[in-house]
Amino acid sequence: MIDLIRAAMARDPAARGVSGVLEIVFTYSGFHAILLHRATHLLWMLRVPFVPRALSQIARFFTGIEIHPGAEVGRGFFIDHGMGVVIGETTVVGDNVTLYQGVTLGGTGKETGKRHPTLGDNVVVGSGARVLGNITVGNDVRVGAGSVVVRDVPDHCTVVGVPGRIVRDRGKRVLDAPLAHDAIPDPFARQIESLEERLRRLEESLTDEHS
């Protein structure tokens, strides 16, 4: 419980001071959903029938967040404004992961066995993003809002677009601030800019030839 409060305080600028702690404990749906999941996951691991799923659905009703009791969630997990978040049964979430509203960590069909993603440590998944299938998202990865990720992502990468494309910046992390969604680069815009630059150079070359 303490790690969840610390995670919220560290990553949500709206949570400040003693009043912030009280707000987290009493008003944050993400905090409630994760806390309830820890109880349902324990029951799931003890192979208690029916009860874990029933409790998870009750948690979904009150929080708007659906976490299957079988999902494995690490420490310092933070769901910010979590309405519509869905986390599948065989999902594995590392430490200090942040999800925003509308995120789905789901499957791609009717596969059996491990069919949901594995997220490393310090991962941030933006609003409305979908991470689907038995894939691995590495440590320190940023997934842009609205992206659809269906392939493995190495450490220290940023993924944007549909389907998700990896964007690197000189081999270093593209983002250091977990909330800076506006700083996520657009690979399509970069391609268009590159084409425009090549076209400009070609026009200049043709002009020089005729002058």
N, C-alpha and C. Protein backbone atom coordinates (compact mmCIF):
# COMPACT_ATOMS: atom_id res chain seq x y z
N MET A 1 0.83 -1.21 0.00
CA MET A 1 0.00 0.00 0.00
C MET A 1 0.86 1.26 0.00
N ILE A 2 1.92 1.27 0.79
CA ILE A 2 2.80 2.43 0.86
C ILE A 2 3.44 2.71 -0.48
N ASP A 3 3.85 1.65 -1.19
CA ASP A 3 4.50 1.84 -2.48
C ASP A 3 3.54 2.44 -3.49
N LEU A 4 2.25 2.11 -3.38
CA LEU A 4 1.25 2.67 -4.30
C LEU A 4 1.04 4.16 -4.04
N ILE A 5 1.03 4.53 -2.77
CA ILE A 5 0.88 5.95 -2.41
C ILE A 5 2.09 6.75 -2.88
N ARG A 6 3.28 6.20 -2.66
CA ARG A 6 4.49 6.89 -3.10
C ARG A 6 4.52 7.05 -4.60
N ALA A 7 4.09 6.01 -5.32
CA ALA A 7 4.07 6.09 -6.78
C ALA A 7 3.13 7.19 -7.25
N ALA A 8 1.95 7.27 -6.65
CA ALA A 8 0.98 8.31 -7.03
C ALA A 8 1.52 9.70 -6.70
N MET A 9 2.13 9.85 -5.54
CA MET A 9 2.68 11.15 -5.15
C MET A 9 3.80 11.58 -6.09
N ALA A 10 4.60 10.62 -6.53
CA ALA A 10 5.75 10.95 -7.38
C ALA A 10 5.34 11.28 -8.81
N ARG A 11 4.24 10.68 -9.29
CA ARG A 11 3.91 10.79 -10.71
C ARG A 11 2.67 11.63 -11.02
N ASP A 12 1.94 12.01 -9.99
CA ASP A 12 0.77 12.86 -10.22
C ASP A 12 0.99 14.21 -9.56
N PRO A 13 1.19 15.26 -10.36
CA PRO A 13 1.45 16.59 -9.77
C PRO A 13 0.27 17.13 -8.98
N ALA A 14 -0.92 16.52 -9.16
CA ALA A 14 -2.09 16.99 -8.41
C ALA A 14 -2.08 16.50 -6.96
N ALA A 15 -1.27 15.48 -6.68
CA ALA A 15 -1.21 14.93 -5.32
C ALA A 15 -0.06 15.57 -4.56
N ARG A 16 -0.40 16.41 -3.58
CA ARG A 16 0.64 17.15 -2.85
C ARG A 16 0.33 17.14 -1.35
N GLY A 17 1.37 16.91 -0.56
CA GLY A 17 1.25 17.01 0.88
C GLY A 17 0.32 15.98 1.50
N VAL A 18 -0.07 16.29 2.75
CA VAL A 18 -0.95 15.38 3.50
C VAL A 18 -2.30 15.24 2.81
N SER A 19 -2.83 16.34 2.30
CA SER A 19 -4.13 16.28 1.61
C SER A 19 -4.05 15.40 0.38
N GLY A 20 -2.87 15.40 -0.27
CA GLY A 20 -2.67 14.55 -1.43
C GLY A 20 -2.74 13.08 -1.08
N VAL A 21 -2.15 12.72 0.06
CA VAL A 21 -2.22 11.34 0.52
C VAL A 21 -3.66 10.92 0.77
N LEU A 22 -4.41 11.80 1.41
CA LEU A 22 -5.82 11.50 1.69
C LEU A 22 -6.62 11.36 0.39
N GLU A 23 -6.32 12.22 -0.57
CA GLU A 23 -7.02 12.13 -1.84
C GLU A 23 -6.72 10.81 -2.53
N ILE A 24 -5.46 10.38 -2.50
CA ILE A 24 -5.09 9.12 -3.11
C ILE A 24 -5.84 7.96 -2.47
N VAL A 25 -5.82 7.92 -1.15
CA VAL A 25 -6.43 6.81 -0.42
C VAL A 25 -7.94 6.75 -0.62
N PHE A 26 -8.58 7.91 -0.67
CA PHE A 26 -10.04 7.92 -0.68
C PHE A 26 -10.68 8.19 -2.04
N THR A 27 -9.92 8.75 -2.98
CA THR A 27 -10.56 9.16 -4.24
C THR A 27 -9.92 8.61 -5.50
N TYR A 28 -8.73 8.02 -5.43
CA TYR A 28 -8.05 7.57 -6.64
C TYR A 28 -8.52 6.17 -7.03
N SER A 29 -9.22 6.06 -8.14
CA SER A 29 -9.74 4.75 -8.57
C SER A 29 -8.62 3.78 -8.91
N GLY A 30 -7.51 4.31 -9.45
CA GLY A 30 -6.38 3.43 -9.77
C GLY A 30 -5.79 2.80 -8.53
N PHE A 31 -5.68 3.58 -7.48
CA PHE A 31 -5.19 3.07 -6.19
C PHE A 31 -6.11 1.97 -5.68
N HIS A 32 -7.40 2.21 -5.71
CA HIS A 32 -8.36 1.22 -5.22
C HIS A 32 -8.31 -0.05 -6.05
N ALA A 33 -8.22 0.10 -7.38
CA ALA A 33 -8.21 -1.07 -8.27
C ALA A 33 -6.99 -1.95 -8.02
N ILE A 34 -5.83 -1.33 -7.85
CA ILE A 34 -4.61 -2.12 -7.64
C ILE A 34 -4.63 -2.78 -6.27
N LEU A 35 -5.12 -2.06 -5.27
CA LEU A 35 -5.19 -2.62 -3.92
C LEU A 35 -6.13 -3.84 -3.91
N LEU A 36 -7.28 -3.71 -4.55
CA LEU A 36 -8.21 -4.83 -4.62
C LEU A 36 -7.62 -5.98 -5.43
N HIS A 37 -6.85 -5.64 -6.47
CA HIS A 37 -6.24 -6.69 -7.28
C HIS A 37 -5.26 -7.53 -6.46
N ARG A 38 -4.55 -6.90 -5.56
CA ARG A 38 -3.61 -7.66 -4.74
C ARG A 38 -4.35 -8.72 -3.92
N ALA A 39 -5.54 -8.39 -3.47
CA ALA A 39 -6.33 -9.37 -2.72
C ALA A 39 -6.86 -10.46 -3.64
N THR A 40 -7.39 -10.08 -4.80
CA THR A 40 -7.94 -11.08 -5.72
C THR A 40 -6.83 -11.97 -6.29
N HIS A 41 -5.65 -11.40 -6.52
CA HIS A 41 -4.54 -12.19 -7.05
C HIS A 41 -4.09 -13.25 -6.03
N LEU A 42 -4.08 -12.87 -4.76
CA LEU A 42 -3.72 -13.83 -3.72
C LEU A 42 -4.71 -14.99 -3.71
N LEU A 43 -5.99 -14.68 -3.80
CA LEU A 43 -7.01 -15.73 -3.84
C LEU A 43 -6.85 -16.59 -5.10
N TRP A 44 -6.51 -15.95 -6.21
CA TRP A 44 -6.30 -16.67 -7.47
C TRP A 44 -5.13 -17.65 -7.33
N MET A 45 -4.04 -17.20 -6.71
CA MET A 45 -2.88 -18.06 -6.53
C MET A 45 -3.19 -19.22 -5.59
N LEU A 46 -4.11 -19.01 -4.66
CA LEU A 46 -4.53 -20.07 -3.75
C LEU A 46 -5.58 -20.99 -4.39
N ARG A 47 -5.90 -20.71 -5.66
CA ARG A 47 -6.85 -21.51 -6.44
C ARG A 47 -8.26 -21.51 -5.83
N VAL A 48 -8.62 -20.41 -5.22
CA VAL A 48 -9.99 -20.26 -4.72
C VAL A 48 -10.91 -20.07 -5.93
N PRO A 49 -11.94 -20.90 -6.08
CA PRO A 49 -12.82 -20.79 -7.25
C PRO A 49 -13.78 -19.61 -7.15
N PHE A 50 -14.14 -19.05 -8.28
CA PHE A 50 -15.21 -18.06 -8.45
C PHE A 50 -14.96 -16.72 -7.75
N VAL A 51 -14.58 -16.76 -6.48
CA VAL A 51 -14.50 -15.54 -5.68
C VAL A 51 -13.57 -14.48 -6.29
N PRO A 52 -12.34 -14.86 -6.73
CA PRO A 52 -11.47 -13.81 -7.29
C PRO A 52 -12.08 -13.10 -8.49
N ARG A 53 -12.70 -13.85 -9.39
CA ARG A 53 -13.32 -13.22 -10.55
C ARG A 53 -14.49 -12.34 -10.16
N ALA A 54 -15.28 -12.81 -9.20
CA ALA A 54 -16.42 -12.02 -8.75
C ALA A 54 -15.95 -10.71 -8.13
N LEU A 55 -14.92 -10.78 -7.29
CA LEU A 55 -14.40 -9.57 -6.66
C LEU A 55 -13.79 -8.62 -7.68
N SER A 56 -13.14 -9.18 -8.69
CA SER A 56 -12.54 -8.31 -9.71
C SER A 56 -13.61 -7.58 -10.51
N GLN A 57 -14.75 -8.22 -10.71
CA GLN A 57 -15.84 -7.56 -11.42
C GLN A 57 -16.50 -6.48 -10.55
N ILE A 58 -16.56 -6.72 -9.26
CA ILE A 58 -17.05 -5.70 -8.34
C ILE A 58 -16.12 -4.49 -8.36
N ALA A 59 -14.80 -4.77 -8.35
CA ALA A 59 -13.82 -3.68 -8.44
C ALA A 59 -13.98 -2.92 -9.74
N ARG A 60 -14.24 -3.65 -10.83
CA ARG A 60 -14.45 -3.00 -12.12
C ARG A 60 -15.66 -2.08 -12.07
N PHE A 61 -16.73 -2.53 -11.42
CA PHE A 61 -17.96 -1.74 -11.34
C PHE A 61 -17.70 -0.41 -10.63
N PHE A 62 -16.93 -0.44 -9.55
CA PHE A 62 -16.71 0.76 -8.75
C PHE A 62 -15.58 1.65 -9.27
N THR A 63 -14.61 1.07 -9.98
CA THR A 63 -13.44 1.85 -10.39
C THR A 63 -13.36 2.11 -11.89
N GLY A 64 -14.07 1.30 -12.70
CA GLY A 64 -13.96 1.42 -14.15
C GLY A 64 -12.70 0.79 -14.69
N ILE A 65 -11.98 0.04 -13.84
CA ILE A 65 -10.72 -0.59 -14.21
C ILE A 65 -10.86 -2.10 -14.05
N GLU A 66 -10.52 -2.84 -15.10
CA GLU A 66 -10.64 -4.30 -15.05
C GLU A 66 -9.24 -4.93 -15.04
N ILE A 67 -8.90 -5.56 -13.94
CA ILE A 67 -7.64 -6.29 -13.83
C ILE A 67 -7.96 -7.74 -13.52
N HIS A 68 -7.60 -8.63 -14.41
CA HIS A 68 -7.88 -10.04 -14.16
C HIS A 68 -7.08 -10.51 -12.95
N PRO A 69 -7.68 -11.33 -12.09
CA PRO A 69 -6.97 -11.80 -10.88
C PRO A 69 -5.66 -12.53 -11.18
N GLY A 70 -5.55 -13.09 -12.39
CA GLY A 70 -4.34 -13.83 -12.73
C GLY A 70 -3.17 -12.94 -13.13
N ALA A 71 -3.41 -11.69 -13.43
CA ALA A 71 -2.34 -10.79 -13.85
C ALA A 71 -1.33 -10.57 -12.72
N GLU A 72 -0.04 -10.51 -13.08
CA GLU A 72 1.02 -10.27 -12.11
C GLU A 72 1.47 -8.82 -12.20
N VAL A 73 1.36 -8.13 -11.10
CA VAL A 73 1.65 -6.69 -11.07
C VAL A 73 2.77 -6.41 -10.08
N GLY A 74 3.77 -5.62 -10.52
CA GLY A 74 4.92 -5.30 -9.68
C GLY A 74 4.64 -4.16 -8.71
N ARG A 75 5.68 -3.73 -8.01
CA ARG A 75 5.57 -2.67 -7.03
C ARG A 75 5.57 -1.30 -7.72
N GLY A 76 4.99 -0.32 -7.02
CA GLY A 76 5.00 1.04 -7.55
C GLY A 76 4.16 1.23 -8.79
N PHE A 77 3.14 0.39 -8.97
CA PHE A 77 2.25 0.47 -10.13
C PHE A 77 1.32 1.67 -9.95
N PHE A 78 1.13 2.46 -11.02
CA PHE A 78 0.28 3.64 -10.92
C PHE A 78 -0.62 3.71 -12.14
N ILE A 79 -1.93 3.79 -11.90
CA ILE A 79 -2.91 3.98 -12.97
C ILE A 79 -3.53 5.36 -12.77
N ASP A 80 -3.28 6.26 -13.71
CA ASP A 80 -3.73 7.64 -13.58
C ASP A 80 -5.03 7.84 -14.36
N HIS A 81 -6.08 8.31 -13.67
CA HIS A 81 -7.39 8.50 -14.32
C HIS A 81 -7.75 7.24 -15.10
N GLY A 82 -7.87 6.13 -14.42
CA GLY A 82 -7.83 4.83 -15.05
C GLY A 82 -9.08 4.32 -15.72
N MET A 83 -10.10 5.11 -15.90
CA MET A 83 -11.34 4.61 -16.51
C MET A 83 -11.05 3.91 -17.84
N GLY A 84 -11.56 2.69 -17.97
CA GLY A 84 -11.42 1.95 -19.22
C GLY A 84 -10.17 1.11 -19.33
N VAL A 85 -9.32 1.09 -18.32
CA VAL A 85 -8.11 0.26 -18.36
C VAL A 85 -8.51 -1.21 -18.24
N VAL A 86 -7.91 -2.05 -19.10
CA VAL A 86 -8.17 -3.49 -19.07
C VAL A 86 -6.82 -4.22 -19.08
N ILE A 87 -6.64 -5.13 -18.13
CA ILE A 87 -5.40 -5.90 -18.01
C ILE A 87 -5.76 -7.38 -18.00
N GLY A 88 -5.24 -8.13 -18.97
CA GLY A 88 -5.62 -9.52 -19.16
C GLY A 88 -4.96 -10.49 -18.19
N GLU A 89 -5.43 -11.73 -18.24
CA GLU A 89 -5.09 -12.76 -17.27
C GLU A 89 -3.60 -13.06 -17.17
N THR A 90 -2.91 -13.19 -18.29
CA THR A 90 -1.50 -13.61 -18.27
C THR A 90 -0.54 -12.43 -18.42
N THR A 91 -1.05 -11.24 -18.20
CA THR A 91 -0.20 -10.05 -18.24
C THR A 91 0.77 -10.05 -17.07
N VAL A 92 2.00 -9.61 -17.35
CA VAL A 92 3.01 -9.42 -16.30
C VAL A 92 3.47 -7.96 -16.37
N VAL A 93 3.34 -7.25 -15.27
CA VAL A 93 3.70 -5.84 -15.21
C VAL A 93 4.86 -5.68 -14.23
N GLY A 94 5.95 -5.04 -14.67
CA GLY A 94 7.12 -4.85 -13.83
C GLY A 94 6.92 -3.77 -12.77
N ASP A 95 8.01 -3.31 -12.20
CA ASP A 95 7.97 -2.30 -11.15
C ASP A 95 7.90 -0.89 -11.74
N ASN A 96 7.24 0.00 -11.01
CA ASN A 96 7.19 1.43 -11.35
C ASN A 96 6.63 1.68 -12.75
N VAL A 97 5.57 0.97 -13.07
CA VAL A 97 4.90 1.13 -14.36
C VAL A 97 3.73 2.10 -14.21
N THR A 98 3.52 2.92 -15.24
CA THR A 98 2.42 3.88 -15.23
C THR A 98 1.52 3.65 -16.44
N LEU A 99 0.22 3.54 -16.19
CA LEU A 99 -0.77 3.44 -17.25
C LEU A 99 -1.73 4.63 -17.14
N TYR A 100 -2.18 5.10 -18.29
CA TYR A 100 -3.18 6.16 -18.33
C TYR A 100 -4.52 5.61 -18.80
N GLN A 101 -5.54 6.45 -18.80
CA GLN A 101 -6.89 5.97 -19.05
C GLN A 101 -7.03 5.30 -20.41
N GLY A 102 -7.88 4.28 -20.45
CA GLY A 102 -8.19 3.62 -21.71
C GLY A 102 -7.15 2.64 -22.20
N VAL A 103 -6.13 2.34 -21.43
CA VAL A 103 -5.08 1.42 -21.87
C VAL A 103 -5.59 -0.02 -21.81
N THR A 104 -5.22 -0.81 -22.82
CA THR A 104 -5.53 -2.24 -22.83
C THR A 104 -4.24 -3.03 -22.92
N LEU A 105 -4.04 -3.93 -21.97
CA LEU A 105 -2.96 -4.92 -22.04
C LEU A 105 -3.66 -6.24 -22.29
N GLY A 106 -3.86 -6.57 -23.56
CA GLY A 106 -4.75 -7.66 -23.90
C GLY A 106 -4.16 -8.68 -24.84
N GLY A 107 -5.03 -9.60 -25.28
CA GLY A 107 -4.64 -10.64 -26.23
C GLY A 107 -5.02 -10.27 -27.64
N THR A 108 -4.73 -11.17 -28.58
CA THR A 108 -5.02 -10.90 -29.99
C THR A 108 -6.02 -11.88 -30.57
N GLY A 109 -6.53 -12.82 -29.77
CA GLY A 109 -7.47 -13.80 -30.29
C GLY A 109 -7.81 -14.84 -29.25
N LYS A 110 -7.86 -16.08 -29.70
CA LYS A 110 -8.24 -17.17 -28.81
C LYS A 110 -7.06 -18.07 -28.47
N GLU A 111 -5.86 -17.49 -28.38
CA GLU A 111 -4.69 -18.26 -28.02
C GLU A 111 -4.83 -18.81 -26.60
N THR A 112 -4.08 -19.86 -26.33
CA THR A 112 -4.05 -20.41 -24.98
C THR A 112 -2.67 -20.19 -24.39
N GLY A 113 -2.54 -20.39 -23.09
CA GLY A 113 -1.25 -20.18 -22.43
C GLY A 113 -0.96 -18.71 -22.26
N LYS A 114 0.30 -18.33 -22.36
CA LYS A 114 0.71 -16.93 -22.22
C LYS A 114 0.27 -16.17 -23.46
N ARG A 115 -0.72 -15.33 -23.30
CA ARG A 115 -1.31 -14.64 -24.45
C ARG A 115 -1.43 -13.14 -24.26
N HIS A 116 -0.88 -12.63 -23.17
CA HIS A 116 -0.92 -11.20 -22.90
C HIS A 116 0.50 -10.67 -22.73
N PRO A 117 0.69 -9.37 -22.80
CA PRO A 117 2.05 -8.82 -22.80
C PRO A 117 2.76 -8.88 -21.46
N THR A 118 4.08 -8.76 -21.55
CA THR A 118 4.94 -8.61 -20.37
C THR A 118 5.60 -7.24 -20.45
N LEU A 119 5.39 -6.41 -19.44
CA LEU A 119 5.98 -5.08 -19.39
C LEU A 119 7.14 -5.07 -18.41
N GLY A 120 8.25 -4.46 -18.81
CA GLY A 120 9.40 -4.35 -17.92
C GLY A 120 9.20 -3.26 -16.88
N ASP A 121 10.30 -2.84 -16.27
CA ASP A 121 10.25 -1.80 -15.24
C ASP A 121 10.24 -0.41 -15.87
N ASN A 122 9.63 0.53 -15.16
CA ASN A 122 9.64 1.95 -15.55
C ASN A 122 9.01 2.20 -16.93
N VAL A 123 7.98 1.45 -17.25
CA VAL A 123 7.28 1.61 -18.52
C VAL A 123 6.13 2.60 -18.34
N VAL A 124 5.90 3.43 -19.34
CA VAL A 124 4.77 4.36 -19.35
C VAL A 124 3.95 4.09 -20.60
N VAL A 125 2.65 3.85 -20.41
CA VAL A 125 1.75 3.59 -21.53
C VAL A 125 0.71 4.70 -21.57
N GLY A 126 0.69 5.45 -22.67
CA GLY A 126 -0.17 6.62 -22.79
C GLY A 126 -1.64 6.29 -23.00
N SER A 127 -2.47 7.30 -22.89
CA SER A 127 -3.93 7.15 -22.95
C SER A 127 -4.38 6.45 -24.23
N GLY A 128 -5.27 5.48 -24.05
CA GLY A 128 -5.88 4.81 -25.20
C GLY A 128 -4.98 3.86 -25.95
N ALA A 129 -3.79 3.62 -25.46
CA ALA A 129 -2.87 2.71 -26.16
C ALA A 129 -3.29 1.26 -25.96
N ARG A 130 -2.92 0.42 -26.92
CA ARG A 130 -3.19 -1.01 -26.86
C ARG A 130 -1.87 -1.76 -26.99
N VAL A 131 -1.60 -2.61 -26.02
CA VAL A 131 -0.43 -3.48 -26.08
C VAL A 131 -0.98 -4.90 -26.10
N LEU A 132 -0.79 -5.61 -27.22
CA LEU A 132 -1.56 -6.82 -27.45
C LEU A 132 -0.68 -8.03 -27.76
N GLY A 133 -1.07 -9.16 -27.20
CA GLY A 133 -0.42 -10.42 -27.51
C GLY A 133 0.71 -10.77 -26.56
N ASN A 134 1.29 -11.93 -26.77
CA ASN A 134 2.40 -12.40 -25.94
C ASN A 134 3.70 -11.76 -26.41
N ILE A 135 3.84 -10.48 -26.10
CA ILE A 135 5.03 -9.73 -26.48
C ILE A 135 5.71 -9.18 -25.22
N THR A 136 6.94 -8.76 -25.39
CA THR A 136 7.70 -8.20 -24.27
C THR A 136 8.03 -6.74 -24.55
N VAL A 137 7.64 -5.89 -23.64
CA VAL A 137 7.98 -4.47 -23.71
C VAL A 137 9.08 -4.23 -22.68
N GLY A 138 10.24 -3.79 -23.13
CA GLY A 138 11.41 -3.72 -22.26
C GLY A 138 11.34 -2.63 -21.21
N ASN A 139 12.42 -2.50 -20.47
CA ASN A 139 12.52 -1.50 -19.41
C ASN A 139 12.62 -0.09 -19.99
N ASP A 140 12.09 0.87 -19.27
CA ASP A 140 12.20 2.29 -19.63
C ASP A 140 11.61 2.59 -21.01
N VAL A 141 10.54 1.92 -21.35
CA VAL A 141 9.88 2.13 -22.63
C VAL A 141 8.72 3.10 -22.46
N ARG A 142 8.50 3.95 -23.48
CA ARG A 142 7.37 4.86 -23.51
C ARG A 142 6.48 4.49 -24.69
N VAL A 143 5.19 4.29 -24.44
CA VAL A 143 4.23 4.00 -25.49
C VAL A 143 3.32 5.20 -25.64
N GLY A 144 3.32 5.80 -26.81
CA GLY A 144 2.55 7.01 -27.03
C GLY A 144 1.05 6.78 -26.99
N ALA A 145 0.31 7.82 -26.66
CA ALA A 145 -1.16 7.75 -26.59
C ALA A 145 -1.74 7.29 -27.91
N GLY A 146 -2.69 6.34 -27.83
CA GLY A 146 -3.37 5.86 -29.02
C GLY A 146 -2.60 4.85 -29.85
N SER A 147 -1.41 4.48 -29.43
CA SER A 147 -0.60 3.53 -30.20
C SER A 147 -1.13 2.11 -30.04
N VAL A 148 -0.80 1.27 -31.01
CA VAL A 148 -1.14 -0.15 -30.94
C VAL A 148 0.15 -0.94 -31.11
N VAL A 149 0.57 -1.61 -30.04
CA VAL A 149 1.85 -2.31 -30.04
C VAL A 149 1.58 -3.81 -30.11
N VAL A 150 2.12 -4.46 -31.13
CA VAL A 150 1.89 -5.90 -31.33
C VAL A 150 3.21 -6.66 -31.52
N ARG A 151 4.34 -5.96 -31.33
CA ARG A 151 5.65 -6.60 -31.45
C ARG A 151 6.52 -6.23 -30.26
N ASP A 152 7.53 -7.05 -30.01
CA ASP A 152 8.44 -6.78 -28.90
C ASP A 152 9.08 -5.40 -29.05
N VAL A 153 9.35 -4.78 -27.90
CA VAL A 153 10.00 -3.47 -27.88
C VAL A 153 11.24 -3.56 -27.00
N PRO A 154 12.42 -3.21 -27.51
CA PRO A 154 13.64 -3.25 -26.69
C PRO A 154 13.62 -2.19 -25.59
N ASP A 155 14.58 -2.29 -24.69
CA ASP A 155 14.72 -1.30 -23.61
C ASP A 155 14.96 0.10 -24.18
N HIS A 156 14.57 1.11 -23.41
CA HIS A 156 14.89 2.52 -23.67
C HIS A 156 14.39 3.00 -25.03
N CYS A 157 13.21 2.56 -25.42
CA CYS A 157 12.64 2.99 -26.70
C CYS A 157 11.31 3.70 -26.47
N THR A 158 10.91 4.44 -27.48
CA THR A 158 9.57 5.04 -27.49
C THR A 158 8.83 4.50 -28.70
N VAL A 159 7.59 4.11 -28.49
CA VAL A 159 6.76 3.53 -29.56
C VAL A 159 5.57 4.43 -29.80
N VAL A 160 5.31 4.76 -31.06
CA VAL A 160 4.14 5.57 -31.41
C VAL A 160 3.52 5.02 -32.67
N GLY A 161 2.23 5.30 -32.87
CA GLY A 161 1.56 4.99 -34.12
C GLY A 161 0.78 3.70 -34.11
N VAL A 162 0.10 3.46 -35.26
CA VAL A 162 -0.71 2.26 -35.47
C VAL A 162 -0.30 1.65 -36.82
N PRO A 163 0.33 0.49 -36.85
CA PRO A 163 0.85 -0.22 -35.67
C PRO A 163 2.03 0.54 -35.07
N GLY A 164 2.36 0.22 -33.84
CA GLY A 164 3.40 0.94 -33.14
C GLY A 164 4.76 0.83 -33.81
N ARG A 165 5.44 1.95 -33.92
CA ARG A 165 6.79 1.98 -34.50
C ARG A 165 7.76 2.51 -33.45
N ILE A 166 8.94 1.92 -33.43
CA ILE A 166 9.96 2.32 -32.46
C ILE A 166 10.65 3.58 -32.96
N VAL A 167 10.79 4.55 -32.08
CA VAL A 167 11.47 5.80 -32.41
C VAL A 167 12.66 5.95 -31.47
N ARG A 168 13.82 6.09 -32.02
CA ARG A 168 15.04 6.27 -31.22
C ARG A 168 15.58 7.68 -31.44
N ASP A 169 16.29 8.15 -30.44
CA ASP A 169 16.90 9.47 -30.54
C ASP A 169 18.37 9.37 -30.16
N ARG A 170 19.20 9.15 -31.19
CA ARG A 170 20.66 9.03 -31.00
C ARG A 170 21.01 7.95 -29.98
N GLY A 171 20.22 6.88 -29.98
CA GLY A 171 20.52 5.76 -29.10
C GLY A 171 20.22 6.01 -27.64
N LYS A 172 19.64 7.16 -27.32
CA LYS A 172 19.34 7.49 -25.92
C LYS A 172 17.83 7.47 -25.72
N ARG A 173 17.41 7.57 -24.46
CA ARG A 173 15.99 7.63 -24.17
C ARG A 173 15.39 8.87 -24.82
N VAL A 174 14.26 8.69 -25.44
CA VAL A 174 13.59 9.82 -26.06
C VAL A 174 12.97 10.71 -25.00
N LEU A 175 12.44 10.09 -23.94
CA LEU A 175 11.77 10.84 -22.88
C LEU A 175 12.39 10.51 -21.53
N ASP A 176 12.58 11.51 -20.73
CA ASP A 176 12.99 11.31 -19.35
C ASP A 176 11.84 11.57 -18.39
N ALA A 177 10.91 12.44 -18.80
CA ALA A 177 9.78 12.78 -17.93
C ALA A 177 8.59 11.90 -18.27
N PRO A 178 8.09 11.11 -17.31
CA PRO A 178 7.03 10.16 -17.61
C PRO A 178 5.72 10.79 -18.04
N LEU A 179 5.49 12.07 -17.76
CA LEU A 179 4.21 12.68 -18.11
C LEU A 179 4.28 13.50 -19.39
N ALA A 180 5.44 13.55 -20.04
CA ALA A 180 5.61 14.45 -21.18
C ALA A 180 5.13 13.81 -22.48
N HIS A 181 3.81 13.54 -22.56
CA HIS A 181 3.28 12.92 -23.77
C HIS A 181 3.45 13.84 -24.97
N ASP A 182 3.43 15.15 -24.75
CA ASP A 182 3.55 16.09 -25.86
C ASP A 182 4.92 16.06 -26.49
N ALA A 183 5.91 15.46 -25.82
CA ALA A 183 7.27 15.42 -26.35
C ALA A 183 7.54 14.15 -27.16
N ILE A 184 6.54 13.27 -27.30
CA ILE A 184 6.74 12.05 -28.05
C ILE A 184 6.79 12.39 -29.53
N PRO A 185 7.85 12.00 -30.23
CA PRO A 185 7.98 12.34 -31.64
C PRO A 185 7.02 11.54 -32.51
N ASP A 186 6.69 12.08 -33.68
CA ASP A 186 5.81 11.43 -34.63
C ASP A 186 6.65 10.92 -35.80
N PRO A 187 6.79 9.59 -35.96
CA PRO A 187 7.63 9.07 -37.03
C PRO A 187 7.11 9.40 -38.41
N PHE A 188 5.78 9.50 -38.57
CA PHE A 188 5.21 9.83 -39.87
C PHE A 188 5.54 11.27 -40.25
N ALA A 189 5.45 12.16 -39.26
CA ALA A 189 5.81 13.56 -39.52
C ALA A 189 7.28 13.67 -39.90
N ARG A 190 8.12 12.89 -39.24
CA ARG A 190 9.55 12.92 -39.57
C ARG A 190 9.80 12.44 -41.00
N GLN A 191 9.06 11.39 -41.43
CA GLN A 191 9.21 10.90 -42.79
C GLN A 191 8.78 11.95 -43.81
N ILE A 192 7.66 12.64 -43.51
CA ILE A 192 7.19 13.68 -44.42
C ILE A 192 8.20 14.82 -44.49
N GLU A 193 8.73 15.21 -43.33
CA GLU A 193 9.75 16.27 -43.32
C GLU A 193 10.97 15.86 -44.12
N SER A 194 11.35 14.58 -44.02
CA SER A 194 12.51 14.10 -44.77
C SER A 194 12.25 14.15 -46.26
N LEU A 195 11.04 13.75 -46.68
CA LEU A 195 10.68 13.80 -48.10
C LEU A 195 10.65 15.23 -48.61
N GLU A 196 10.11 16.13 -47.78
CA GLU A 196 10.07 17.53 -48.17
C GLU A 196 11.48 18.10 -48.34
N GLU A 197 12.37 17.70 -47.45
CA GLU A 197 13.75 18.18 -47.54
C GLU A 197 14.43 17.65 -48.81
N ARG A 198 14.19 16.37 -49.13
CA ARG A 198 14.77 15.80 -50.35
C ARG A 198 14.21 16.48 -51.59
N LEU A 199 12.90 16.78 -51.57
CA LEU A 199 12.28 17.46 -52.70
C LEU A 199 12.85 18.86 -52.86
N ARG A 200 13.08 19.55 -51.74
CA ARG A 200 13.66 20.89 -51.80
C ARG A 200 15.05 20.86 -52.42
N ARG A 201 15.85 19.88 -52.00
CA ARG A 201 17.22 19.76 -52.53
C ARG A 201 17.19 19.43 -54.02
N LEU A 202 16.23 18.58 -54.44
CA LEU A 202 16.12 18.24 -55.85
C LEU A 202 15.74 19.45 -56.68
N GLU A 203 14.80 20.25 -56.17
CA GLU A 203 14.40 21.46 -56.89
C GLU A 203 15.56 22.43 -57.00
N GLU A 204 16.34 22.58 -55.91
CA GLU A 204 17.51 23.46 -55.95
C GLU A 204 18.53 22.97 -56.96
N SER A 205 18.69 21.64 -57.01
CA SER A 205 19.65 21.08 -57.95
C SER A 205 19.23 21.34 -59.40
N LEU A 206 17.93 21.17 -59.67
CA LEU A 206 17.43 21.43 -61.02
C LEU A 206 17.55 22.91 -61.39
N THR A 207 17.31 23.78 -60.42
CA THR A 207 17.42 25.22 -60.67
C THR A 207 18.86 25.60 -61.00
N ASP A 208 19.81 25.01 -60.25
CA ASP A 208 21.23 25.30 -60.51
C ASP A 208 21.66 24.83 -61.88
N GLU A 209 21.11 23.70 -62.34
CA GLU A 209 21.48 23.16 -63.65
C GLU A 209 21.00 24.06 -64.78
N HIS A 210 19.86 24.70 -64.57
CA HIS A 210 19.28 25.53 -65.62
C HIS A 210 19.69 27.00 -65.51
N SER A 211 20.47 27.35 -64.52
CA SER A 211 20.85 28.74 -64.38
C SER A 211 22.21 29.00 -65.03
